[in-house]
Amino acid sequence: MRTTTSTEAKARLNALLAEVAATGEPVTITTHGKPVAILSPATPTPRRFGQLAGKVTIPDDFDAPLDPTELALWEGGE
């Protein structure tokens, strides 16, 4: 793992970010010779359908037009 000082990291942050993104290798940032942080590539979190992922199903005809009777009920009819 590559190591850099906090002073160098501050001066070259954009270059370090690009390097980490390109190589996938983390960089250890040190202060007075002691490791204080690790700059590592972000791992994207997969999107989930709310809190009920896998438990909610959406029917294929979800966006199909309502039949006239049901539509009338939604519009305040009887």
PDB file of N, CA and C in Angstrom:
ATOM      1  N   MET A   1       0.852  -1.183   0.000  1.00  0.00           N
ATOM      2  CA  MET A   1       0.000   0.000   0.000  1.00  0.00           C
ATOM      3  C   MET A   1       0.892   1.239   0.000  1.00  0.00           C
ATOM      4  N   ARG A   2       0.566   2.171  -0.843  1.00  0.00           N
ATOM      5  CA  ARG A   2       1.324   3.415  -0.962  1.00  0.00           C
ATOM      6  C   ARG A   2       1.072   4.290   0.258  1.00  0.00           C
ATOM      7  N   THR A   3       2.073   5.056   0.644  1.00  0.00           N
ATOM      8  CA  THR A   3       1.976   5.962   1.791  1.00  0.00           C
ATOM      9  C   THR A   3       2.348   7.370   1.343  1.00  0.00           C
ATOM     10  N   THR A   4       1.667   8.356   1.920  1.00  0.00           N
ATOM     11  CA  THR A   4       1.978   9.752   1.632  1.00  0.00           C
ATOM     12  C   THR A   4       1.772  10.566   2.909  1.00  0.00           C
ATOM     13  N   THR A   5       2.426  11.697   2.986  1.00  0.00           N
ATOM     14  CA  THR A   5       2.275  12.562   4.160  1.00  0.00           C
ATOM     15  C   THR A   5       0.994  13.384   4.029  1.00  0.00           C
ATOM     16  N   SER A   6       0.504  13.882   5.149  1.00  0.00           N
ATOM     17  CA  SER A   6      -0.700  14.712   5.111  1.00  0.00           C
ATOM     18  C   SER A   6      -0.452  16.000   4.326  1.00  0.00           C
ATOM     19  N   THR A   7       0.756  16.538   4.384  1.00  0.00           N
ATOM     20  CA  THR A   7       1.084  17.748   3.641  1.00  0.00           C
ATOM     21  C   THR A   7       1.000  17.494   2.142  1.00  0.00           C
ATOM     22  N   GLU A   8       1.581  16.373   1.700  1.00  0.00           N
ATOM     23  CA  GLU A   8       1.529  16.026   0.281  1.00  0.00           C
ATOM     24  C   GLU A   8       0.094  15.710  -0.144  1.00  0.00           C
ATOM     25  N   ALA A   9      -0.656  15.022   0.721  1.00  0.00           N
ATOM     26  CA  ALA A   9      -2.041  14.682   0.406  1.00  0.00           C
ATOM     27  C   ALA A   9      -2.876  15.950   0.229  1.00  0.00           C
ATOM     28  N   LYS A  10      -2.637  16.928   1.068  1.00  0.00           N
ATOM     29  CA  LYS A  10      -3.375  18.187   0.967  1.00  0.00           C
ATOM     30  C   LYS A  10      -3.047  18.898  -0.343  1.00  0.00           C
ATOM     31  N   ALA A  11      -1.790  18.904  -0.709  1.00  0.00           N
ATOM     32  CA  ALA A  11      -1.355  19.601  -1.914  1.00  0.00           C
ATOM     33  C   ALA A  11      -1.769  18.872  -3.189  1.00  0.00           C
ATOM     34  N   ARG A  12      -1.902  17.542  -3.124  1.00  0.00           N
ATOM     35  CA  ARG A  12      -2.181  16.759  -4.323  1.00  0.00           C
ATOM     36  C   ARG A  12      -3.455  15.934  -4.207  1.00  0.00           C
ATOM     37  N   LEU A  13      -4.450  16.410  -3.490  1.00  0.00           N
ATOM     38  CA  LEU A  13      -5.640  15.616  -3.227  1.00  0.00           C
ATOM     39  C   LEU A  13      -6.322  15.135  -4.507  1.00  0.00           C
ATOM     40  N   ASN A  14      -6.526  16.023  -5.480  1.00  0.00           N
ATOM     41  CA  ASN A  14      -7.195  15.603  -6.718  1.00  0.00           C
ATOM     42  C   ASN A  14      -6.411  14.515  -7.437  1.00  0.00           C
ATOM     43  N   ALA A  15      -5.092  14.627  -7.462  1.00  0.00           N
ATOM     44  CA  ALA A  15      -4.265  13.605  -8.104  1.00  0.00           C
ATOM     45  C   ALA A  15      -4.355  12.285  -7.348  1.00  0.00           C
ATOM     46  N   LEU A  16      -4.362  12.350  -6.020  1.00  0.00           N
ATOM     47  CA  LEU A  16      -4.498  11.126  -5.220  1.00  0.00           C
ATOM     48  C   LEU A  16      -5.850  10.462  -5.453  1.00  0.00           C
ATOM     49  N   LEU A  17      -6.907  11.274  -5.502  1.00  0.00           N
ATOM     50  CA  LEU A  17      -8.235  10.723  -5.759  1.00  0.00           C
ATOM     51  C   LEU A  17      -8.282  10.032  -7.119  1.00  0.00           C
ATOM     52  N   ALA A  18      -7.709  10.653  -8.118  1.00  0.00           N
ATOM     53  CA  ALA A  18      -7.684  10.063  -9.454  1.00  0.00           C
ATOM     54  C   ALA A  18      -6.881   8.770  -9.468  1.00  0.00           C
ATOM     55  N   GLU A  19      -5.773   8.757  -8.753  1.00  0.00           N
ATOM     56  CA  GLU A  19      -4.930   7.564  -8.678  1.00  0.00           C
ATOM     57  C   GLU A  19      -5.670   6.406  -8.012  1.00  0.00           C
ATOM     58  N   VAL A  20      -6.324   6.688  -6.899  1.00  0.00           N
ATOM     59  CA  VAL A  20      -7.069   5.650  -6.186  1.00  0.00           C
ATOM     60  C   VAL A  20      -8.222   5.133  -7.039  1.00  0.00           C
ATOM     61  N   ALA A  21      -8.899   6.032  -7.730  1.00  0.00           N
ATOM     62  CA  ALA A  21     -10.011   5.632  -8.593  1.00  0.00           C
ATOM     63  C   ALA A  21      -9.514   4.764  -9.750  1.00  0.00           C
ATOM     64  N   ALA A  22      -8.367   5.110 -10.320  1.00  0.00           N
ATOM     65  CA  ALA A  22      -7.842   4.387 -11.479  1.00  0.00           C
ATOM     66  C   ALA A  22      -7.262   3.028 -11.108  1.00  0.00           C
ATOM     67  N   THR A  23      -6.533   2.979  -9.991  1.00  0.00           N
ATOM     68  CA  THR A  23      -5.831   1.741  -9.640  1.00  0.00           C
ATOM     69  C   THR A  23      -6.625   0.860  -8.685  1.00  0.00           C
ATOM     70  N   GLY A  24      -7.519   1.464  -7.914  1.00  0.00           N
ATOM     71  CA  GLY A  24      -8.248   0.698  -6.909  1.00  0.00           C
ATOM     72  C   GLY A  24      -7.424   0.413  -5.667  1.00  0.00           C
ATOM     73  N   GLU A  25      -6.199   0.910  -5.632  1.00  0.00           N
ATOM     74  CA  GLU A  25      -5.304   0.689  -4.496  1.00  0.00           C
ATOM     75  C   GLU A  25      -5.435   1.815  -3.480  1.00  0.00           C
ATOM     76  N   PRO A  26      -5.610   1.494  -2.199  1.00  0.00           N
ATOM     77  CA  PRO A  26      -5.707   2.539  -1.178  1.00  0.00           C
ATOM     78  C   PRO A  26      -4.357   3.223  -0.936  1.00  0.00           C
ATOM     79  N   VAL A  27      -4.424   4.418  -0.372  1.00  0.00           N
ATOM     80  CA  VAL A  27      -3.237   5.189  -0.021  1.00  0.00           C
ATOM     81  C   VAL A  27      -3.334   5.531   1.455  1.00  0.00           C
ATOM     82  N   THR A  28      -2.282   5.230   2.212  1.00  0.00           N
ATOM     83  CA  THR A  28      -2.234   5.571   3.631  1.00  0.00           C
ATOM     84  C   THR A  28      -1.682   6.977   3.783  1.00  0.00           C
ATOM     85  N   ILE A  29      -2.360   7.793   4.584  1.00  0.00           N
ATOM     86  CA  ILE A  29      -1.928   9.171   4.833  1.00  0.00           C
ATOM     87  C   ILE A  29      -1.348   9.224   6.239  1.00  0.00           C
ATOM     88  N   THR A  30      -0.149   9.782   6.343  1.00  0.00           N
ATOM     89  CA  THR A  30       0.541   9.819   7.632  1.00  0.00           C
ATOM     90  C   THR A  30       0.740  11.246   8.120  1.00  0.00           C
ATOM     91  N   THR A  31       0.871  11.377   9.426  1.00  0.00           N
ATOM     92  CA  THR A  31       1.249  12.634  10.063  1.00  0.00           C
ATOM     93  C   THR A  31       2.382  12.316  11.030  1.00  0.00           C
ATOM     94  N   HIS A  32       3.498  12.994  10.863  1.00  0.00           N
ATOM     95  CA  HIS A  32       4.694  12.750  11.690  1.00  0.00           C
ATOM     96  C   HIS A  32       5.069  11.274  11.671  1.00  0.00           C
ATOM     97  N   GLY A  33       4.925  10.648  10.499  1.00  0.00           N
ATOM     98  CA  GLY A  33       5.341   9.262  10.329  1.00  0.00           C
ATOM     99  C   GLY A  33       4.354   8.214  10.813  1.00  0.00           C
ATOM    100  N   LYS A  34       3.225   8.643  11.387  1.00  0.00           N
ATOM    101  CA  LYS A  34       2.246   7.683  11.900  1.00  0.00           C
ATOM    102  C   LYS A  34       1.012   7.682  11.006  1.00  0.00           C
ATOM    103  N   PRO A  35       0.507   6.504  10.648  1.00  0.00           N
ATOM    104  CA  PRO A  35      -0.698   6.437   9.824  1.00  0.00           C
ATOM    105  C   PRO A  35      -1.894   7.040  10.550  1.00  0.00           C
ATOM    106  N   VAL A  36      -2.638   7.896   9.853  1.00  0.00           N
ATOM    107  CA  VAL A  36      -3.825   8.517  10.455  1.00  0.00           C
ATOM    108  C   VAL A  36      -5.086   8.275   9.636  1.00  0.00           C
ATOM    109  N   ALA A  37      -4.929   7.947   8.352  1.00  0.00           N
ATOM    110  CA  ALA A  37      -6.109   7.718   7.514  1.00  0.00           C
ATOM    111  C   ALA A  37      -5.730   6.871   6.314  1.00  0.00           C
ATOM    112  N   ILE A  38      -6.750   6.237   5.749  1.00  0.00           N
ATOM    113  CA  ILE A  38      -6.569   5.467   4.526  1.00  0.00           C
ATOM    114  C   ILE A  38      -7.572   5.990   3.498  1.00  0.00           C
ATOM    115  N   LEU A  39      -7.055   6.403   2.356  1.00  0.00           N
ATOM    116  CA  LEU A  39      -7.897   6.847   1.250  1.00  0.00           C
ATOM    117  C   LEU A  39      -8.097   5.631   0.353  1.00  0.00           C
ATOM    118  N   SER A  40      -9.339   5.136   0.316  1.00  0.00           N
ATOM    119  CA  SER A  40      -9.603   3.922  -0.457  1.00  0.00           C
ATOM    120  C   SER A  40     -10.751   4.160  -1.428  1.00  0.00           C
ATOM    121  N   PRO A  41     -10.838   3.341  -2.476  1.00  0.00           N
ATOM    122  CA  PRO A  41     -11.910   3.533  -3.449  1.00  0.00           C
ATOM    123  C   PRO A  41     -13.271   3.260  -2.825  1.00  0.00           C
ATOM    124  N   ALA A  42     -14.254   4.032  -3.250  1.00  0.00           N
ATOM    125  CA  ALA A  42     -15.612   3.843  -2.756  1.00  0.00           C
ATOM    126  C   ALA A  42     -16.231   2.652  -3.467  1.00  0.00           C
ATOM    127  N   THR A  43     -17.025   1.909  -2.739  1.00  0.00           N
ATOM    128  CA  THR A  43     -17.759   0.812  -3.359  1.00  0.00           C
ATOM    129  C   THR A  43     -19.218   1.223  -3.413  1.00  0.00           C
ATOM    130  N   PRO A  44     -19.795   1.289  -4.608  1.00  0.00           N
ATOM    131  CA  PRO A  44     -21.184   1.720  -4.712  1.00  0.00           C
ATOM    132  C   PRO A  44     -22.126   0.744  -4.022  1.00  0.00           C
ATOM    133  N   THR A  45     -23.088   1.293  -3.332  1.00  0.00           N
ATOM    134  CA  THR A  45     -24.092   0.483  -2.660  1.00  0.00           C
ATOM    135  C   THR A  45     -25.232   0.221  -3.634  1.00  0.00           C
ATOM    136  N   PRO A  46     -25.586  -1.053  -3.840  1.00  0.00           N
ATOM    137  CA  PRO A  46     -26.674  -1.317  -4.764  1.00  0.00           C
ATOM    138  C   PRO A  46     -27.987  -0.739  -4.260  1.00  0.00           C
ATOM    139  N   ARG A  47     -28.785  -0.225  -5.193  1.00  0.00           N
ATOM    140  CA  ARG A  47     -30.065   0.363  -4.819  1.00  0.00           C
ATOM    141  C   ARG A  47     -31.047  -0.727  -4.434  1.00  0.00           C
ATOM    142  N   ARG A  48     -31.869  -0.415  -3.450  1.00  0.00           N
ATOM    143  CA  ARG A  48     -32.897  -1.340  -3.005  1.00  0.00           C
ATOM    144  C   ARG A  48     -34.235  -0.657  -3.109  1.00  0.00           C
ATOM    145  N   PHE A  49     -35.272  -1.450  -3.301  1.00  0.00           N
ATOM    146  CA  PHE A  49     -36.619  -0.921  -3.375  1.00  0.00           C
ATOM    147  C   PHE A  49     -37.124  -0.743  -1.947  1.00  0.00           C
ATOM    148  N   GLY A  50     -36.803   0.405  -1.347  1.00  0.00           N
ATOM    149  CA  GLY A  50     -37.233   0.694   0.024  1.00  0.00           C
ATOM    150  C   GLY A  50     -36.705  -0.334   1.011  1.00  0.00           C
ATOM    151  N   GLN A  51     -37.395  -0.485   2.097  1.00  0.00           N
ATOM    152  CA  GLN A  51     -36.992  -1.432   3.132  1.00  0.00           C
ATOM    153  C   GLN A  51     -37.553  -2.831   2.880  1.00  0.00           C
ATOM    154  N   LEU A  52     -38.404  -2.961   1.898  1.00  0.00           N
ATOM    155  CA  LEU A  52     -39.047  -4.242   1.640  1.00  0.00           C
ATOM    156  C   LEU A  52     -38.491  -4.913   0.391  1.00  0.00           C
ATOM    157  N   ALA A  53     -37.195  -4.764   0.184  1.00  0.00           N
ATOM    158  CA  ALA A  53     -36.582  -5.338  -1.012  1.00  0.00           C
ATOM    159  C   ALA A  53     -36.854  -6.836  -1.084  1.00  0.00           C
ATOM    160  N   GLY A  54     -37.352  -7.266  -2.218  1.00  0.00           N
ATOM    161  CA  GLY A  54     -37.622  -8.680  -2.408  1.00  0.00           C
ATOM    162  C   GLY A  54     -38.947  -9.132  -1.830  1.00  0.00           C
ATOM    163  N   LYS A  55     -39.609  -8.289  -1.064  1.00  0.00           N
ATOM    164  CA  LYS A  55     -40.866  -8.666  -0.423  1.00  0.00           C
ATOM    165  C   LYS A  55     -42.072  -8.035  -1.114  1.00  0.00           C
ATOM    166  N   VAL A  56     -41.823  -7.038  -1.940  1.00  0.00           N
ATOM    167  CA  VAL A  56     -42.903  -6.347  -2.637  1.00  0.00           C
ATOM    168  C   VAL A  56     -42.823  -6.713  -4.112  1.00  0.00           C
ATOM    169  N   THR A  57     -43.927  -7.126  -4.661  1.00  0.00           N
ATOM    170  CA  THR A  57     -43.956  -7.405  -6.089  1.00  0.00           C
ATOM    171  C   THR A  57     -44.875  -6.406  -6.768  1.00  0.00           C
ATOM    172  N   ILE A  58     -44.492  -6.001  -7.947  1.00  0.00           N
ATOM    173  CA  ILE A  58     -45.293  -5.054  -8.720  1.00  0.00           C
ATOM    174  C   ILE A  58     -45.823  -5.819  -9.926  1.00  0.00           C
ATOM    175  N   PRO A  59     -47.142  -5.894 -10.058  1.00  0.00           N
ATOM    176  CA  PRO A  59     -47.704  -6.659 -11.172  1.00  0.00           C
ATOM    177  C   PRO A  59     -47.355  -6.042 -12.520  1.00  0.00           C
ATOM    178  N   ASP A  60     -47.331  -6.871 -13.556  1.00  0.00           N
ATOM    179  CA  ASP A  60     -46.992  -6.402 -14.897  1.00  0.00           C
ATOM    180  C   ASP A  60     -47.972  -5.352 -15.412  1.00  0.00           C
ATOM    181  N   ASP A  61     -49.237  -5.413 -14.969  1.00  0.00           N
ATOM    182  CA  ASP A  61     -50.243  -4.464 -15.448  1.00  0.00           C
ATOM    183  C   ASP A  61     -50.422  -3.276 -14.501  1.00  0.00           C
ATOM    184  N   PHE A  62     -49.381  -2.960 -13.727  1.00  0.00           N
ATOM    185  CA  PHE A  62     -49.454  -1.895 -12.731  1.00  0.00           C
ATOM    186  C   PHE A  62     -49.909  -0.563 -13.335  1.00  0.00           C
ATOM    187  N   ASP A  63     -49.391  -0.242 -14.498  1.00  0.00           N
ATOM    188  CA  ASP A  63     -49.710   1.056 -15.098  1.00  0.00           C
ATOM    189  C   ASP A  63     -50.798   0.968 -16.183  1.00  0.00           C
ATOM    190  N   ALA A  64     -51.509  -0.132 -16.203  1.00  0.00           N
ATOM    191  CA  ALA A  64     -52.612  -0.274 -17.167  1.00  0.00           C
ATOM    192  C   ALA A  64     -53.780   0.621 -16.738  1.00  0.00           C
ATOM    193  N   PRO A  65     -54.559   1.101 -17.678  1.00  0.00           N
ATOM    194  CA  PRO A  65     -55.709   1.949 -17.327  1.00  0.00           C
ATOM    195  C   PRO A  65     -56.708   1.182 -16.455  1.00  0.00           C
ATOM    196  N   LEU A  66     -57.355   1.900 -15.538  1.00  0.00           N
ATOM    197  CA  LEU A  66     -58.380   1.289 -14.692  1.00  0.00           C
ATOM    198  C   LEU A  66     -59.652   1.058 -15.501  1.00  0.00           C
ATOM    199  N   ASP A  67     -60.402   0.047 -15.089  1.00  0.00           N
ATOM    200  CA  ASP A  67     -61.681  -0.140 -15.772  1.00  0.00           C
ATOM    201  C   ASP A  67     -62.615   0.995 -15.335  1.00  0.00           C
ATOM    202  N   PRO A  68     -63.611   1.332 -16.138  1.00  0.00           N
ATOM    203  CA  PRO A  68     -64.464   2.503 -15.870  1.00  0.00           C
ATOM    204  C   PRO A  68     -65.116   2.490 -14.490  1.00  0.00           C
ATOM    205  N   THR A  69     -65.534   1.337 -13.987  1.00  0.00           N
ATOM    206  CA  THR A  69     -66.176   1.257 -12.678  1.00  0.00           C
ATOM    207  C   THR A  69     -65.201   1.654 -11.571  1.00  0.00           C
ATOM    208  N   GLU A  70     -63.993   1.110 -11.614  1.00  0.00           N
ATOM    209  CA  GLU A  70     -62.993   1.424 -10.593  1.00  0.00           C
ATOM    210  C   GLU A  70     -62.533   2.877 -10.710  1.00  0.00           C
ATOM    211  N   LEU A  71     -62.391   3.362 -11.919  1.00  0.00           N
ATOM    212  CA  LEU A  71     -62.014   4.756 -12.141  1.00  0.00           C
ATOM    213  C   LEU A  71     -63.044   5.709 -11.549  1.00  0.00           C
ATOM    214  N   ALA A  72     -64.321   5.385 -11.705  1.00  0.00           N
ATOM    215  CA  ALA A  72     -65.384   6.218 -11.138  1.00  0.00           C
ATOM    216  C   ALA A  72     -65.279   6.255  -9.620  1.00  0.00           C
ATOM    217  N   LEU A  73     -64.927   5.142  -8.992  1.00  0.00           N
ATOM    218  CA  LEU A  73     -64.777   5.123  -7.528  1.00  0.00           C
ATOM    219  C   LEU A  73     -63.625   6.029  -7.093  1.00  0.00           C
ATOM    220  N   TRP A  74     -62.523   6.017  -7.832  1.00  0.00           N
ATOM    221  CA  TRP A  74     -61.392   6.875  -7.506  1.00  0.00           C
ATOM    222  C   TRP A  74     -61.725   8.344  -7.694  1.00  0.00           C
ATOM    223  N   GLU A  75     -62.596   8.631  -8.621  1.00  0.00           N
ATOM    224  CA  GLU A  75     -62.955  10.018  -8.906  1.00  0.00           C
ATOM    225  C   GLU A  75     -64.114  10.500  -8.056  1.00  0.00           C
ATOM    226  N   GLY A  76     -64.531   9.712  -7.089  1.00  0.00           N
ATOM    227  CA  GLY A  76     -65.584  10.137  -6.163  1.00  0.00           C
ATOM    228  C   GLY A  76     -66.980   9.665  -6.539  1.00  0.00           C
ATOM    229  N   GLY A  77     -67.104   8.889  -7.579  1.00  0.00           N
ATOM    230  CA  GLY A  77     -68.402   8.356  -7.968  1.00  0.00           C
ATOM    231  C   GLY A  77     -68.769   7.144  -7.145  1.00  0.00           C
ATOM    232  N   GLU A  78     -69.921   6.585  -7.442  1.00  0.00           N
ATOM    233  CA  GLU A  78     -70.344   5.396  -6.698  1.00  0.00           C
ATOM    234  C   GLU A  78     -70.509   4.203  -7.549  1.00  0.00           C
TER     235      GLU A  78
END
